[in-house]
Amino acid sequence: MLLRRPQGRSLFIRLRAARSFIPGSMVAGWHSWTSSGRLAHPFYLLLNESLTANYRQVFKWMFPIYGALHFVPSLLFKHRAWLSQPKIMTTRTIAGTARSSSFLSAFVVIYLCSFLIQ
């Protein structure tokens, strides 16, 4: 049984017009599975702004988690070092937390770039 499109050829013309505004999207008959950066991040004018915002957001989310992961074991297993050199141990814990959060943030940004640059 053949199904007829109720709108016929006008639907194809409207989809073709929509295709010019949304490059790279999956619109009837085009075989591209990626979307444009503007479609994914409509509130940012530049791609760099959205990537910077994503980096900051992931860093803020992960800093407390990595802080606990660095602070608690350090306090439990190196309590003598904490008592004798609290300033150095605090600096090491904050540096390790920042390093881990930065790595995860950079990894997320690189992952997002692989989709947005396609």
Protein backbone atom coordinates (compact mmCIF):
# COMPACT_ATOMS: atom_id res chain seq x y z
CA MET A 1 0.00 0.00 0.00
CA LEU A 2 1.45 3.33 -1.02
CA LEU A 3 1.13 6.26 1.32
CA ARG A 4 0.67 9.67 -0.18
CA ARG A 5 2.00 12.74 1.50
CA PRO A 6 -0.93 15.06 2.04
CA GLN A 7 1.15 18.17 1.32
CA GLY A 8 2.93 16.76 -1.70
CA ARG A 9 5.71 18.80 -3.25
CA SER A 10 5.23 21.86 -1.03
CA LEU A 11 6.59 19.89 1.94
CA PHE A 12 9.80 19.21 0.06
CA ILE A 13 10.17 22.90 -0.82
CA ARG A 14 9.68 23.92 2.81
CA LEU A 15 12.20 21.33 3.99
CA ARG A 16 14.71 22.57 1.42
CA ALA A 17 14.23 26.12 2.72
CA ALA A 18 14.68 24.91 6.31
CA ARG A 19 17.85 23.13 5.23
CA SER A 20 19.43 26.43 4.24
CA PHE A 21 18.89 27.78 7.77
CA ILE A 22 19.99 24.63 9.60
CA PRO A 23 23.11 23.31 7.85
CA GLY A 24 24.11 19.77 8.58
CA SER A 25 20.86 18.74 10.23
CA MET A 26 18.98 15.60 9.36
CA VAL A 27 16.27 16.90 7.02
CA ALA A 28 14.30 14.49 4.77
CA GLY A 29 16.65 12.95 2.29
CA TRP A 30 19.95 14.44 3.42
CA HIS A 31 22.24 11.95 5.09
CA SER A 32 24.13 14.10 7.56
CA TRP A 33 23.74 13.12 11.21
CA THR A 34 25.49 16.15 12.72
CA SER A 35 24.00 19.48 13.68
CA SER A 36 25.51 22.89 13.38
CA GLY A 37 27.07 24.67 16.35
CA ARG A 38 24.41 27.36 16.24
CA LEU A 39 21.67 24.79 16.53
CA ALA A 40 23.36 23.12 19.52
CA HIS A 41 24.24 26.41 21.28
CA PRO A 42 21.80 29.12 20.16
CA PHE A 43 22.66 31.54 22.99
CA TYR A 44 26.32 31.97 22.00
CA LEU A 45 27.47 33.92 18.98
CA LEU A 46 30.88 32.26 18.81
CA LEU A 47 31.85 28.64 19.29
CA ASN A 48 34.68 29.69 21.64
CA GLU A 49 32.18 31.24 24.04
CA SER A 50 30.19 28.04 24.38
CA LEU A 51 33.34 25.95 24.86
CA THR A 52 34.66 28.34 27.51
CA ALA A 53 31.30 28.24 29.28
CA ASN A 54 31.31 24.43 29.18
CA TYR A 55 34.87 24.34 30.56
CA ARG A 56 33.95 26.61 33.47
CA GLN A 57 30.75 24.74 34.21
CA VAL A 58 32.41 21.31 34.32
CA PHE A 59 35.27 22.73 36.41
CA LYS A 60 32.80 24.16 38.95
CA TRP A 61 30.87 20.89 39.09
CA MET A 62 33.90 18.68 39.55
CA PHE A 63 36.01 20.80 41.92
CA PRO A 64 34.09 19.77 45.09
CA ILE A 65 34.06 16.11 44.06
CA TYR A 66 37.77 16.00 43.29
CA GLY A 67 38.40 18.09 46.40
CA ALA A 68 36.88 15.35 48.53
CA LEU A 69 38.76 12.67 46.59
CA HIS A 70 42.08 14.43 47.23
CA PHE A 71 41.44 15.75 50.74
CA VAL A 72 39.94 12.77 52.57
CA PRO A 73 42.54 10.10 51.67
CA SER A 74 45.32 12.61 52.22
CA LEU A 75 43.97 13.43 55.66
CA LEU A 76 43.44 9.78 56.59
CA PHE A 77 46.73 8.37 55.34
CA LYS A 78 49.07 11.34 55.83
CA HIS A 79 47.78 12.82 59.07
CA ARG A 80 51.30 13.31 60.46
CA ALA A 81 52.29 15.38 57.44
CA TRP A 82 49.09 17.42 57.87
CA LEU A 83 49.96 18.13 61.49
CA SER A 84 53.57 19.08 60.78
CA GLN A 85 53.12 20.98 57.46
CA PRO A 86 49.49 22.07 57.05
CA LYS A 87 50.24 24.86 54.56
CA ILE A 88 52.19 22.61 52.18
CA MET A 89 49.61 19.83 52.39
CA THR A 90 46.75 22.24 51.75
CA THR A 91 48.57 23.65 48.74
CA ARG A 92 49.23 20.14 47.39
CA THR A 93 45.59 19.14 47.86
CA ILE A 94 44.26 22.26 46.13
CA ALA A 95 46.77 21.86 43.29
CA GLY A 96 45.80 18.22 42.79
CA THR A 97 42.12 19.10 42.85
CA ALA A 98 42.61 21.88 40.30
CA ARG A 99 44.71 19.60 38.08
CA SER A 100 42.10 16.82 38.10
CA SER A 101 39.20 19.23 37.51
CA SER A 102 41.08 20.92 34.66
CA PHE A 103 41.82 17.58 33.02
CA LEU A 104 38.20 16.49 33.09
CA SER A 105 37.02 19.90 31.88
CA ALA A 106 39.49 19.85 28.99
CA PHE A 107 38.44 16.30 28.11
CA VAL A 108 34.76 17.34 27.97
CA VAL A 109 35.59 20.37 25.78
CA ILE A 110 37.66 18.22 23.40
CA TYR A 111 34.81 15.72 23.21
CA LEU A 112 32.31 18.48 22.41
CA CYS A 113 34.67 19.94 19.80
CA SER A 114 34.77 16.63 17.98
CA PHE A 115 31.01 16.89 17.42
CA LEU A 116 30.79 20.60 16.71
CA ILE A 117 33.66 20.76 14.23
CA GLN A 118 32.36 17.94 12.02
